[in-house]
Amino acid sequence: MIKKVKDPGFGYQSSKNAKKIINQDGTSNVTHVNRTRNWNDLYSHLIDISWTRFFFFVILVYTSINILFAVIYNLIGIEQITPSTGNVLRDLLNGFFFSAQTITTVGYGGIAPQGLIANIIASFQAMIGLLGFSFITGLLYGRFSKPKAAIKFSKNIIVRDFKDNRALMFRLMNSRKNMMIEPQITVTLSITEPNKKGDNFKRNFYQLKLERDKIMYLPTMWTVVHQLDEKSPLTKYSNKELKELDAEMYILLQYHDEAFSQKLFKIYSYQFEELEVDVQFESSFSFDEDGYTLLDHNKLDLLKPIDYSK
């Protein structure tokens, strides 16, 4: 018997052109409106952004602070740290370089504060530098030490003949060399269908029964299989109808990672426009002359037609 499950948090309402809720990297594709922001969100934001954006942020803040203090030193009189050159731009540059030496506590000695006001400002800036670099160091440690799953999923899901019926399949693998201990997977299917009047769309949710939803450990690749039998919500659809179905699969993988010594999670999703029919995955591993198993990461997505004549 086919059983629906309650809304897992995505909402029953939908639209004809609804986008994916889960991005390819597992992040949420939901746009938040009128969300309250506070300073407590800054740390988590800087931990999660890409390395490019992170270093751009660091350089931008560092440059902005030095420009600000360069202007301040010129306003109080550049003569309090170094003789004026008579050129505004050069005086600003001297103020900028003195600011950079102060905030990093380098202090070459070529430029030094002379007056009381300049010394007070320089002392305050040195404190900002110590606090700022401590914050950046904490962010760098947090970014490197934060455990992240390195799971790769096959580009497509497939439907093929399997045993006495059909089955929906996809593959996954660990892109690292360490072992995945007791990986467990949950797959929730969302099918968007119009109501009887055809003026609105609604999502129906099903938890797919898998051939195996948990294994002891994963050294190579795992092909996840859902049989399209009488208990499957997809059994009533032909292969052609499946490709045209407005549906999405939400995948939650959890496992113990021996490198981080803790449980990690990975979220992924497939839309049925990524479905291929009557194909099978190519074998991803072989053996060398010494009998060692060779796992080819480039074969994760490779498909080949099924020869039903054999």
C-alpha atoms as a PDB file:
ATOM      1  CA  MET A   1       0.000   0.000   0.000  1.00  0.00           C
ATOM      2  CA  ILE A   2       1.277   3.429  -0.982  1.00  0.00           C
ATOM      3  CA  LYS A   3       1.505   5.762   2.013  1.00  0.00           C
ATOM      4  CA  LYS A   4       1.927   9.504   1.930  1.00  0.00           C
ATOM      5  CA  VAL A   5       4.047  11.242   4.555  1.00  0.00           C
ATOM      6  CA  LYS A   6       3.474  14.604   6.161  1.00  0.00           C
ATOM      7  CA  ASP A   7       5.108  17.752   4.885  1.00  0.00           C
ATOM      8  CA  PRO A   8       8.828  17.529   5.844  1.00  0.00           C
ATOM      9  CA  GLY A   9       9.089  21.323   5.886  1.00  0.00           C
ATOM     10  CA  PHE A  10       8.846  22.249   2.204  1.00  0.00           C
ATOM     11  CA  GLY A  11       5.149  23.180   2.206  1.00  0.00           C
ATOM     12  CA  TYR A  12       2.248  21.575   0.389  1.00  0.00           C
ATOM     13  CA  GLN A  13       1.614  24.536  -1.915  1.00  0.00           C
ATOM     14  CA  SER A  14       3.536  24.777  -5.150  1.00  0.00           C
ATOM     15  CA  SER A  15       3.452  26.344  -8.601  1.00  0.00           C
ATOM     16  CA  LYS A  16       3.950  25.164 -12.130  1.00  0.00           C
ATOM     17  CA  ASN A  17       7.457  26.653 -12.428  1.00  0.00           C
ATOM     18  CA  ALA A  18       8.664  26.043  -8.854  1.00  0.00           C
ATOM     19  CA  LYS A  19      12.455  25.890  -8.588  1.00  0.00           C
ATOM     20  CA  LYS A  20      14.539  23.345  -6.683  1.00  0.00           C
ATOM     21  CA  ILE A  21      14.528  23.822  -2.928  1.00  0.00           C
ATOM     22  CA  ILE A  22      17.932  22.162  -2.487  1.00  0.00           C
ATOM     23  CA  ASN A  23      20.942  23.305  -4.517  1.00  0.00           C
ATOM     24  CA  GLN A  24      23.491  20.903  -5.993  1.00  0.00           C
ATOM     25  CA  ASP A  25      25.916  21.602  -3.123  1.00  0.00           C
ATOM     26  CA  GLY A  26      23.268  20.792  -0.516  1.00  0.00           C
ATOM     27  CA  THR A  27      22.516  24.393   0.464  1.00  0.00           C
ATOM     28  CA  SER A  28      19.017  25.784   0.641  1.00  0.00           C
ATOM     29  CA  ASN A  29      17.565  27.543  -2.403  1.00  0.00           C
ATOM     30  CA  VAL A  30      14.933  29.335  -0.305  1.00  0.00           C
ATOM     31  CA  THR A  31      14.953  33.151  -0.415  1.00  0.00           C
ATOM     32  CA  HIS A  32      14.280  34.601   3.037  1.00  0.00           C
ATOM     33  CA  VAL A  33      12.172  37.763   3.177  1.00  0.00           C
ATOM     34  CA  ASN A  34      12.007  40.130   6.186  1.00  0.00           C
ATOM     35  CA  ARG A  35      14.514  37.999   8.081  1.00  0.00           C
ATOM     36  CA  THR A  36      15.922  39.615  11.201  1.00  0.00           C
ATOM     37  CA  ARG A  37      19.692  39.971  11.062  1.00  0.00           C
ATOM     38  CA  ASN A  38      22.101  40.412  13.981  1.00  0.00           C
ATOM     39  CA  TRP A  39      25.813  40.331  14.663  1.00  0.00           C
ATOM     40  CA  ASN A  40      25.578  36.726  15.882  1.00  0.00           C
ATOM     41  CA  ASP A  41      24.995  35.677  12.257  1.00  0.00           C
ATOM     42  CA  LEU A  42      28.312  37.170  11.067  1.00  0.00           C
ATOM     43  CA  TYR A  43      30.515  34.329  12.311  1.00  0.00           C
ATOM     44  CA  SER A  44      28.401  31.561  10.771  1.00  0.00           C
ATOM     45  CA  HIS A  45      28.133  33.553   7.527  1.00  0.00           C
ATOM     46  CA  LEU A  46      31.905  33.985   7.251  1.00  0.00           C
ATOM     47  CA  ILE A  47      32.442  30.304   8.046  1.00  0.00           C
ATOM     48  CA  ASP A  48      30.125  29.148   5.245  1.00  0.00           C
ATOM     49  CA  ILE A  49      30.998  31.495   2.363  1.00  0.00           C
ATOM     50  CA  SER A  50      33.490  30.483  -0.325  1.00  0.00           C
ATOM     51  CA  TRP A  51      37.227  31.075   0.128  1.00  0.00           C
ATOM     52  CA  THR A  52      37.194  33.701  -2.625  1.00  0.00           C
ATOM     53  CA  ARG A  53      34.478  35.730  -0.922  1.00  0.00           C
ATOM     54  CA  PHE A  54      36.130  35.232   2.469  1.00  0.00           C
ATOM     55  CA  PHE A  55      39.509  36.643   1.383  1.00  0.00           C
ATOM     56  CA  PHE A  56      37.764  39.435  -0.540  1.00  0.00           C
ATOM     57  CA  PHE A  57      35.972  40.347   2.702  1.00  0.00           C
ATOM     58  CA  VAL A  58      39.234  40.295   4.707  1.00  0.00           C
ATOM     59  CA  ILE A  59      41.087  42.460   2.166  1.00  0.00           C
ATOM     60  CA  LEU A  60      38.157  44.870   1.860  1.00  0.00           C
ATOM     61  CA  VAL A  61      37.856  45.370   5.638  1.00  0.00           C
ATOM     62  CA  TYR A  62      41.634  45.644   6.080  1.00  0.00           C
ATOM     63  CA  THR A  63      41.944  48.256   3.299  1.00  0.00           C
ATOM     64  CA  SER A  64      38.900  50.223   4.481  1.00  0.00           C
ATOM     65  CA  ILE A  65      40.182  50.478   8.047  1.00  0.00           C
ATOM     66  CA  ASN A  66      43.596  51.670   6.892  1.00  0.00           C
ATOM     67  CA  ILE A  67      42.046  54.260   4.563  1.00  0.00           C
ATOM     68  CA  LEU A  68      39.864  55.500   7.431  1.00  0.00           C
ATOM     69  CA  PHE A  69      42.827  55.937   9.773  1.00  0.00           C
ATOM     70  CA  ALA A  70      44.908  57.497   6.992  1.00  0.00           C
ATOM     71  CA  VAL A  71      42.231  60.183   6.679  1.00  0.00           C
ATOM     72  CA  ILE A  72      42.157  60.626  10.474  1.00  0.00           C
ATOM     73  CA  TYR A  73      45.941  61.093  10.642  1.00  0.00           C
ATOM     74  CA  ASN A  74      45.745  63.699   7.905  1.00  0.00           C
ATOM     75  CA  LEU A  75      42.898  65.500   9.658  1.00  0.00           C
ATOM     76  CA  ILE A  76      44.845  65.823  12.919  1.00  0.00           C
ATOM     77  CA  GLY A  77      47.923  66.816  10.944  1.00  0.00           C
ATOM     78  CA  ILE A  78      50.224  64.463   9.111  1.00  0.00           C
ATOM     79  CA  GLU A  79      53.143  66.257  10.808  1.00  0.00           C
ATOM     80  CA  GLN A  80      52.292  64.347  14.006  1.00  0.00           C
ATOM     81  CA  ILE A  81      53.606  61.137  12.414  1.00  0.00           C
ATOM     82  CA  THR A  82      55.868  62.317   9.563  1.00  0.00           C
ATOM     83  CA  PRO A  83      56.807  65.604   7.839  1.00  0.00           C
ATOM     84  CA  SER A  84      54.277  66.708   5.237  1.00  0.00           C
ATOM     85  CA  THR A  85      55.296  66.375   1.603  1.00  0.00           C
ATOM     86  CA  GLY A  86      52.982  69.168   0.535  1.00  0.00           C
ATOM     87  CA  ASN A  87      51.100  66.726  -1.684  1.00  0.00           C
ATOM     88  CA  VAL A  88      47.703  65.528  -0.430  1.00  0.00           C
ATOM     89  CA  LEU A  89      47.896  62.135  -2.138  1.00  0.00           C
ATOM     90  CA  ARG A  90      51.412  61.396  -0.830  1.00  0.00           C
ATOM     91  CA  ASP A  91      50.396  62.466   2.667  1.00  0.00           C
ATOM     92  CA  LEU A  92      47.394  60.116   2.468  1.00  0.00           C
ATOM     93  CA  LEU A  93      49.683  57.290   1.334  1.00  0.00           C
ATOM     94  CA  ASN A  94      52.062  57.981   4.228  1.00  0.00           C
ATOM     95  CA  GLY A  95      49.093  57.900   6.585  1.00  0.00           C
ATOM     96  CA  PHE A  96      47.881  54.660   4.986  1.00  0.00           C
ATOM     97  CA  PHE A  97      51.268  52.928   5.301  1.00  0.00           C
ATOM     98  CA  PHE A  98      51.683  54.092   8.907  1.00  0.00           C
ATOM     99  CA  SER A  99      48.186  52.793   9.628  1.00  0.00           C
ATOM    100  CA  ALA A 100      49.070  49.400   8.077  1.00  0.00           C
ATOM    101  CA  GLN A 101      52.246  49.190  10.193  1.00  0.00           C
ATOM    102  CA  THR A 102      50.311  50.081  13.336  1.00  0.00           C
ATOM    103  CA  ILE A 103      47.348  47.743  12.853  1.00  0.00           C
ATOM    104  CA  THR A 104      49.669  44.805  12.141  1.00  0.00           C
ATOM    105  CA  THR A 105      52.018  45.859  15.008  1.00  0.00           C
ATOM    106  CA  VAL A 106      54.972  45.702  12.577  1.00  0.00           C
ATOM    107  CA  GLY A 107      56.353  49.141  13.397  1.00  0.00           C
ATOM    108  CA  TYR A 108      59.319  49.614  11.036  1.00  0.00           C
ATOM    109  CA  GLY A 109      60.281  52.832  12.793  1.00  0.00           C
ATOM    110  CA  GLY A 110      60.530  54.977   9.674  1.00  0.00           C
ATOM    111  CA  ILE A 111      57.267  56.671  10.625  1.00  0.00           C
ATOM    112  CA  ALA A 112      56.293  57.120  14.257  1.00  0.00           C
ATOM    113  CA  PRO A 113      53.666  59.149  16.129  1.00  0.00           C
ATOM    114  CA  GLN A 114      55.036  62.366  17.665  1.00  0.00           C
ATOM    115  CA  GLY A 115      52.102  64.159  19.280  1.00  0.00           C
ATOM    116  CA  LEU A 116      49.750  63.083  22.079  1.00  0.00           C
ATOM    117  CA  ILE A 117      46.693  62.814  19.832  1.00  0.00           C
ATOM    118  CA  ALA A 118      48.566  60.726  17.253  1.00  0.00           C
ATOM    119  CA  ASN A 119      49.809  58.364  19.983  1.00  0.00           C
ATOM    120  CA  ILE A 120      46.305  57.926  21.384  1.00  0.00           C
ATOM    121  CA  ILE A 121      44.870  57.150  17.941  1.00  0.00           C
ATOM    122  CA  ALA A 122      47.749  54.768  17.139  1.00  0.00           C
ATOM    123  CA  SER A 123      47.253  52.939  20.467  1.00  0.00           C
ATOM    124  CA  PHE A 124      43.548  52.575  19.781  1.00  0.00           C
ATOM    125  CA  GLN A 125      44.258  51.300  16.258  1.00  0.00           C
ATOM    126  CA  ALA A 126      46.782  48.756  17.562  1.00  0.00           C
ATOM    127  CA  MET A 127      44.071  47.377  19.854  1.00  0.00           C
ATOM    128  CA  ILE A 128      41.695  47.110  16.881  1.00  0.00           C
ATOM    129  CA  GLY A 129      44.414  45.254  14.977  1.00  0.00           C
ATOM    130  CA  LEU A 130      44.975  42.724  17.758  1.00  0.00           C
ATOM    131  CA  LEU A 131      41.250  42.062  18.116  1.00  0.00           C
ATOM    132  CA  GLY A 132      40.699  41.944  14.359  1.00  0.00           C
ATOM    133  CA  PHE A 133      43.511  39.495  13.623  1.00  0.00           C
ATOM    134  CA  SER A 134      42.388  37.311  16.539  1.00  0.00           C
ATOM    135  CA  PHE A 135      38.939  37.222  14.969  1.00  0.00           C
ATOM    136  CA  ILE A 136      40.373  36.359  11.533  1.00  0.00           C
ATOM    137  CA  THR A 137      42.544  33.623  13.076  1.00  0.00           C
ATOM    138  CA  GLY A 138      39.459  32.131  14.725  1.00  0.00           C
ATOM    139  CA  LEU A 139      37.618  32.216  11.406  1.00  0.00           C
ATOM    140  CA  LEU A 140      40.499  30.507   9.606  1.00  0.00           C
ATOM    141  CA  TYR A 141      40.626  27.776  12.236  1.00  0.00           C
ATOM    142  CA  GLY A 142      36.848  27.377  12.081  1.00  0.00           C
ATOM    143  CA  ARG A 143      36.875  27.093   8.293  1.00  0.00           C
ATOM    144  CA  PHE A 144      39.654  24.489   8.275  1.00  0.00           C
ATOM    145  CA  SER A 145      38.387  22.479  11.232  1.00  0.00           C
ATOM    146  CA  LYS A 146      34.687  22.468  10.334  1.00  0.00           C
ATOM    147  CA  PRO A 147      33.838  18.906   9.274  1.00  0.00           C
ATOM    148  CA  LYS A 148      32.326  18.736   5.812  1.00  0.00           C
ATOM    149  CA  ALA A 149      31.088  15.735   3.915  1.00  0.00           C
ATOM    150  CA  ALA A 150      32.806  15.172   0.564  1.00  0.00           C
ATOM    151  CA  ILE A 151      30.083  13.083  -1.050  1.00  0.00           C
ATOM    152  CA  LYS A 152      29.581  13.067  -4.808  1.00  0.00           C
ATOM    153  CA  PHE A 153      26.288  12.004  -6.354  1.00  0.00           C
ATOM    154  CA  SER A 154      25.769  10.802  -9.887  1.00  0.00           C
ATOM    155  CA  LYS A 155      24.610  13.474 -12.298  1.00  0.00           C
ATOM    156  CA  ASN A 156      21.476  11.542 -13.262  1.00  0.00           C
ATOM    157  CA  ILE A 157      18.938   9.226 -11.763  1.00  0.00           C
ATOM    158  CA  ILE A 158      17.967   6.279 -13.925  1.00  0.00           C
ATOM    159  CA  VAL A 159      15.010   3.936 -14.370  1.00  0.00           C
ATOM    160  CA  ARG A 160      15.697   0.493 -15.752  1.00  0.00           C
ATOM    161  CA  ASP A 161      14.348  -3.035 -15.686  1.00  0.00           C
ATOM    162  CA  PHE A 162      15.341  -4.673 -12.447  1.00  0.00           C
ATOM    163  CA  LYS A 163      14.579  -8.213 -11.397  1.00  0.00           C
ATOM    164  CA  ASP A 164      10.885  -8.763 -12.315  1.00  0.00           C
ATOM    165  CA  ASN A 165       9.998  -5.081 -12.333  1.00  0.00           C
ATOM    166  CA  ARG A 166      11.553  -1.654 -12.772  1.00  0.00           C
ATOM    167  CA  ALA A 167      13.737   0.307 -10.386  1.00  0.00           C
ATOM    168  CA  LEU A 168      14.878   3.876  -9.872  1.00  0.00           C
ATOM    169  CA  MET A 169      18.598   4.224  -9.105  1.00  0.00           C
ATOM    170  CA  PHE A 170      21.342   6.717  -8.411  1.00  0.00           C
ATOM    171  CA  ARG A 171      24.939   6.393  -7.238  1.00  0.00           C
ATOM    172  CA  LEU A 172      27.079   8.105  -4.643  1.00  0.00           C
ATOM    173  CA  MET A 173      30.672   7.923  -3.479  1.00  0.00           C
ATOM    174  CA  ASN A 174      33.081   9.491  -1.018  1.00  0.00           C
ATOM    175  CA  SER A 175      35.572  11.699  -2.850  1.00  0.00           C
ATOM    176  CA  ARG A 176      38.025  11.264   0.034  1.00  0.00           C
ATOM    177  CA  LYS A 177      40.013   8.104   0.733  1.00  0.00           C
ATOM    178  CA  ASN A 178      38.802   7.663   4.306  1.00  0.00           C
ATOM    179  CA  MET A 179      36.124   5.110   5.122  1.00  0.00           C
ATOM    180  CA  MET A 180      32.427   5.957   5.543  1.00  0.00           C
ATOM    181  CA  ILE A 181      31.188   4.037   8.585  1.00  0.00           C
ATOM    182  CA  GLU A 182      27.524   2.925   8.743  1.00  0.00           C
ATOM    183  CA  PRO A 183      26.183   5.240   6.032  1.00  0.00           C
ATOM    184  CA  GLN A 184      22.402   5.576   6.169  1.00  0.00           C
ATOM    185  CA  ILE A 185      20.212   7.213   3.545  1.00  0.00           C
ATOM    186  CA  THR A 186      16.652   8.551   3.516  1.00  0.00           C
ATOM    187  CA  VAL A 187      14.881   9.524   0.289  1.00  0.00           C
ATOM    188  CA  THR A 188      11.706  11.627   0.262  1.00  0.00           C
ATOM    189  CA  LEU A 189       9.790  12.073  -2.976  1.00  0.00           C
ATOM    190  CA  SER A 190       7.765  15.201  -3.734  1.00  0.00           C
ATOM    191  CA  ILE A 191       5.256  15.094  -6.604  1.00  0.00           C
ATOM    192  CA  THR A 192       3.613  18.341  -7.692  1.00  0.00           C
ATOM    193  CA  GLU A 193       0.165  17.886  -9.200  1.00  0.00           C
ATOM    194  CA  PRO A 194      -2.660  20.274 -10.112  1.00  0.00           C
ATOM    195  CA  ASN A 195      -5.881  20.125  -8.139  1.00  0.00           C
ATOM    196  CA  LYS A 196      -9.149  19.003  -9.710  1.00  0.00           C
ATOM    197  CA  LYS A 197      -9.933  22.502 -10.951  1.00  0.00           C
ATOM    198  CA  GLY A 198      -6.451  22.909 -12.371  1.00  0.00           C
ATOM    199  CA  ASP A 199      -6.019  26.409 -10.917  1.00  0.00           C
ATOM    200  CA  ASN A 200      -3.563  25.492  -8.175  1.00  0.00           C
ATOM    201  CA  PHE A 201      -0.738  23.059  -7.518  1.00  0.00           C
ATOM    202  CA  LYS A 202      -0.067  20.915  -4.486  1.00  0.00           C
ATOM    203  CA  ARG A 203       2.867  18.786  -3.359  1.00  0.00           C
ATOM    204  CA  ASN A 204       2.382  15.232  -2.161  1.00  0.00           C
ATOM    205  CA  PHE A 205       5.199  13.635  -0.182  1.00  0.00           C
ATOM    206  CA  TYR A 206       6.271  10.000  -0.002  1.00  0.00           C
ATOM    207  CA  GLN A 207       9.168   8.280   1.732  1.00  0.00           C
ATOM    208  CA  LEU A 208      10.658   5.866  -0.765  1.00  0.00           C
ATOM    209  CA  LYS A 209      11.395   2.334   0.327  1.00  0.00           C
ATOM    210  CA  LEU A 210      14.946   1.413  -0.635  1.00  0.00           C
ATOM    211  CA  GLU A 211      16.452  -1.952  -1.346  1.00  0.00           C
ATOM    212  CA  ARG A 212      19.056  -1.059   1.272  1.00  0.00           C
ATOM    213  CA  ASP A 213      18.938   2.150   3.290  1.00  0.00           C
ATOM    214  CA  LYS A 214      21.914   1.341   5.532  1.00  0.00           C
ATOM    215  CA  ILE A 215      25.203  -0.499   5.083  1.00  0.00           C
ATOM    216  CA  MET A 216      28.128  -1.265   7.406  1.00  0.00           C
ATOM    217  CA  TYR A 217      30.761   0.758   5.564  1.00  0.00           C
ATOM    218  CA  LEU A 218      31.397   2.153   2.096  1.00  0.00           C
ATOM    219  CA  PRO A 219      34.841   1.713   0.498  1.00  0.00           C
ATOM    220  CA  THR A 220      33.759   2.235  -3.150  1.00  0.00           C
ATOM    221  CA  MET A 221      30.435   3.378  -4.672  1.00  0.00           C
ATOM    222  CA  TRP A 222      26.897   2.791  -3.492  1.00  0.00           C
ATOM    223  CA  THR A 223      24.073   2.318  -5.982  1.00  0.00           C
ATOM    224  CA  VAL A 224      20.845   3.231  -4.196  1.00  0.00           C
ATOM    225  CA  VAL A 225      17.836   1.291  -5.525  1.00  0.00           C
ATOM    226  CA  HIS A 226      14.102   1.936  -5.181  1.00  0.00           C
ATOM    227  CA  GLN A 227      11.956  -0.753  -6.802  1.00  0.00           C
ATOM    228  CA  LEU A 228       8.829   0.431  -8.623  1.00  0.00           C
ATOM    229  CA  ASP A 229       6.543  -2.219  -7.150  1.00  0.00           C
ATOM    230  CA  GLU A 230       3.025  -2.008  -5.738  1.00  0.00           C
ATOM    231  CA  LYS A 231       4.323  -0.067  -2.708  1.00  0.00           C
ATOM    232  CA  SER A 232       5.965   2.616  -4.825  1.00  0.00           C
ATOM    233  CA  PRO A 233       4.144   5.883  -5.660  1.00  0.00           C
ATOM    234  CA  LEU A 234       5.871   5.801  -9.071  1.00  0.00           C
ATOM    235  CA  THR A 235       4.682   2.393 -10.236  1.00  0.00           C
ATOM    236  CA  LYS A 236       1.633   3.807 -12.054  1.00  0.00           C
ATOM    237  CA  TYR A 237       3.774   5.961 -14.358  1.00  0.00           C
ATOM    238  CA  SER A 238       5.332   4.762 -17.588  1.00  0.00           C
ATOM    239  CA  ASN A 239       8.947   5.607 -18.357  1.00  0.00           C
ATOM    240  CA  LYS A 240       7.858   8.464 -20.593  1.00  0.00           C
ATOM    241  CA  GLU A 241       5.513   9.828 -17.923  1.00  0.00           C
ATOM    242  CA  LEU A 242       8.272   9.640 -15.336  1.00  0.00           C
ATOM    243  CA  LYS A 243      10.514  11.890 -17.436  1.00  0.00           C
ATOM    244  CA  GLU A 244       7.703  14.441 -17.705  1.00  0.00           C
ATOM    245  CA  LEU A 245       6.711  14.190 -14.040  1.00  0.00           C
ATOM    246  CA  ASP A 246       6.997  17.346 -11.937  1.00  0.00           C
ATOM    247  CA  ALA A 247       8.760  15.649  -9.071  1.00  0.00           C
ATOM    248  CA  GLU A 248      11.858  16.002  -6.923  1.00  0.00           C
ATOM    249  CA  MET A 249      13.715  13.622  -4.638  1.00  0.00           C
ATOM    250  CA  TYR A 250      15.215  14.946  -1.408  1.00  0.00           C
ATOM    251  CA  ILE A 251      18.116  12.874  -0.101  1.00  0.00           C
ATOM    252  CA  LEU A 252      19.609  12.873   3.370  1.00  0.00           C
ATOM    253  CA  LEU A 253      22.808  10.872   3.865  1.00  0.00           C
ATOM    254  CA  GLN A 254      24.384  10.465   7.278  1.00  0.00           C
ATOM    255  CA  TYR A 255      27.487   8.529   8.257  1.00  0.00           C
ATOM    256  CA  HIS A 256      30.339   8.406  10.752  1.00  0.00           C
ATOM    257  CA  ASP A 257      33.539   9.851   9.338  1.00  0.00           C
ATOM    258  CA  GLU A 258      36.697   8.276  10.739  1.00  0.00           C
ATOM    259  CA  ALA A 259      38.807  11.338   9.872  1.00  0.00           C
ATOM    260  CA  PHE A 260      36.661  13.749  11.921  1.00  0.00           C
ATOM    261  CA  SER A 261      35.481  11.070  14.404  1.00  0.00           C
ATOM    262  CA  GLN A 262      31.914  12.323  14.247  1.00  0.00           C
ATOM    263  CA  LYS A 263      28.711  11.935  12.290  1.00  0.00           C
ATOM    264  CA  LEU A 264      28.422  13.960   9.090  1.00  0.00           C
ATOM    265  CA  PHE A 265      25.394  14.781   6.960  1.00  0.00           C
ATOM    266  CA  LYS A 266      24.931  15.480   3.268  1.00  0.00           C
ATOM    267  CA  ILE A 267      21.781  16.805   1.587  1.00  0.00           C
ATOM    268  CA  TYR A 268      21.109  16.462  -2.116  1.00  0.00           C
ATOM    269  CA  SER A 269      18.170  16.494  -4.500  1.00  0.00           C
ATOM    270  CA  TYR A 270      17.218  15.293  -7.974  1.00  0.00           C
ATOM    271  CA  GLN A 271      14.513  16.637 -10.245  1.00  0.00           C
ATOM    272  CA  PHE A 272      12.927  14.176 -12.630  1.00  0.00           C
ATOM    273  CA  GLU A 273      14.130  16.204 -15.603  1.00  0.00           C
ATOM    274  CA  GLU A 274      17.502  14.625 -14.705  1.00  0.00           C
ATOM    275  CA  LEU A 275      16.026  11.149 -15.229  1.00  0.00           C
ATOM    276  CA  GLU A 276      17.386   8.758 -17.860  1.00  0.00           C
ATOM    277  CA  VAL A 277      15.549   5.571 -18.839  1.00  0.00           C
ATOM    278  CA  ASP A 278      16.694   2.194 -20.149  1.00  0.00           C
ATOM    279  CA  VAL A 279      20.327   2.801 -19.271  1.00  0.00           C
ATOM    280  CA  GLN A 280      22.652   1.441 -16.626  1.00  0.00           C
ATOM    281  CA  PHE A 281      25.663   2.706 -14.745  1.00  0.00           C
ATOM    282  CA  GLU A 282      29.040   1.595 -15.981  1.00  0.00           C
ATOM    283  CA  SER A 283      31.213  -0.351 -13.568  1.00  0.00           C
ATOM    284  CA  SER A 284      33.311   2.082 -11.551  1.00  0.00           C
ATOM    285  CA  PHE A 285      36.028  -0.199 -10.232  1.00  0.00           C
ATOM    286  CA  SER A 286      38.440  -2.813 -11.516  1.00  0.00           C
ATOM    287  CA  PHE A 287      41.497  -4.720 -10.300  1.00  0.00           C
ATOM    288  CA  ASP A 288      45.182  -4.164 -11.019  1.00  0.00           C
ATOM    289  CA  GLU A 289      47.794  -6.842 -11.642  1.00  0.00           C
ATOM    290  CA  ASP A 290      48.391  -7.266  -7.908  1.00  0.00           C
ATOM    291  CA  GLY A 291      44.705  -7.719  -7.164  1.00  0.00           C
ATOM    292  CA  TYR A 292      44.115  -4.291  -5.594  1.00  0.00           C
ATOM    293  CA  THR A 293      40.754  -2.616  -6.249  1.00  0.00           C
ATOM    294  CA  LEU A 294      40.928   0.507  -8.444  1.00  0.00           C
ATOM    295  CA  LEU A 295      38.099   3.010  -8.007  1.00  0.00           C
ATOM    296  CA  ASP A 296      37.699   5.391 -10.955  1.00  0.00           C
ATOM    297  CA  HIS A 297      36.079   8.644  -9.794  1.00  0.00           C
ATOM    298  CA  ASN A 298      35.503   9.726 -13.397  1.00  0.00           C
ATOM    299  CA  LYS A 299      33.063   6.857 -13.931  1.00  0.00           C
ATOM    300  CA  LEU A 300      30.545   7.973 -11.315  1.00  0.00           C
ATOM    301  CA  ASP A 301      28.268   9.564 -13.950  1.00  0.00           C
ATOM    302  CA  LEU A 302      28.932   7.253 -16.884  1.00  0.00           C
ATOM    303  CA  LEU A 303      25.881   5.544 -18.383  1.00  0.00           C
ATOM    304  CA  LYS A 304      25.491   2.986 -21.106  1.00  0.00           C
ATOM    305  CA  PRO A 305      22.397   1.660 -22.947  1.00  0.00           C
ATOM    306  CA  ILE A 306      20.949  -1.655 -21.818  1.00  0.00           C
ATOM    307  CA  ASP A 307      21.135  -4.389 -24.413  1.00  0.00           C
ATOM    308  CA  TYR A 308      17.880  -6.302 -23.920  1.00  0.00           C
ATOM    309  CA  SER A 309      18.753  -8.744 -26.701  1.00  0.00           C
ATOM    310  CA  LYS A 310      21.159 -10.599 -24.442  1.00  0.00           C
END
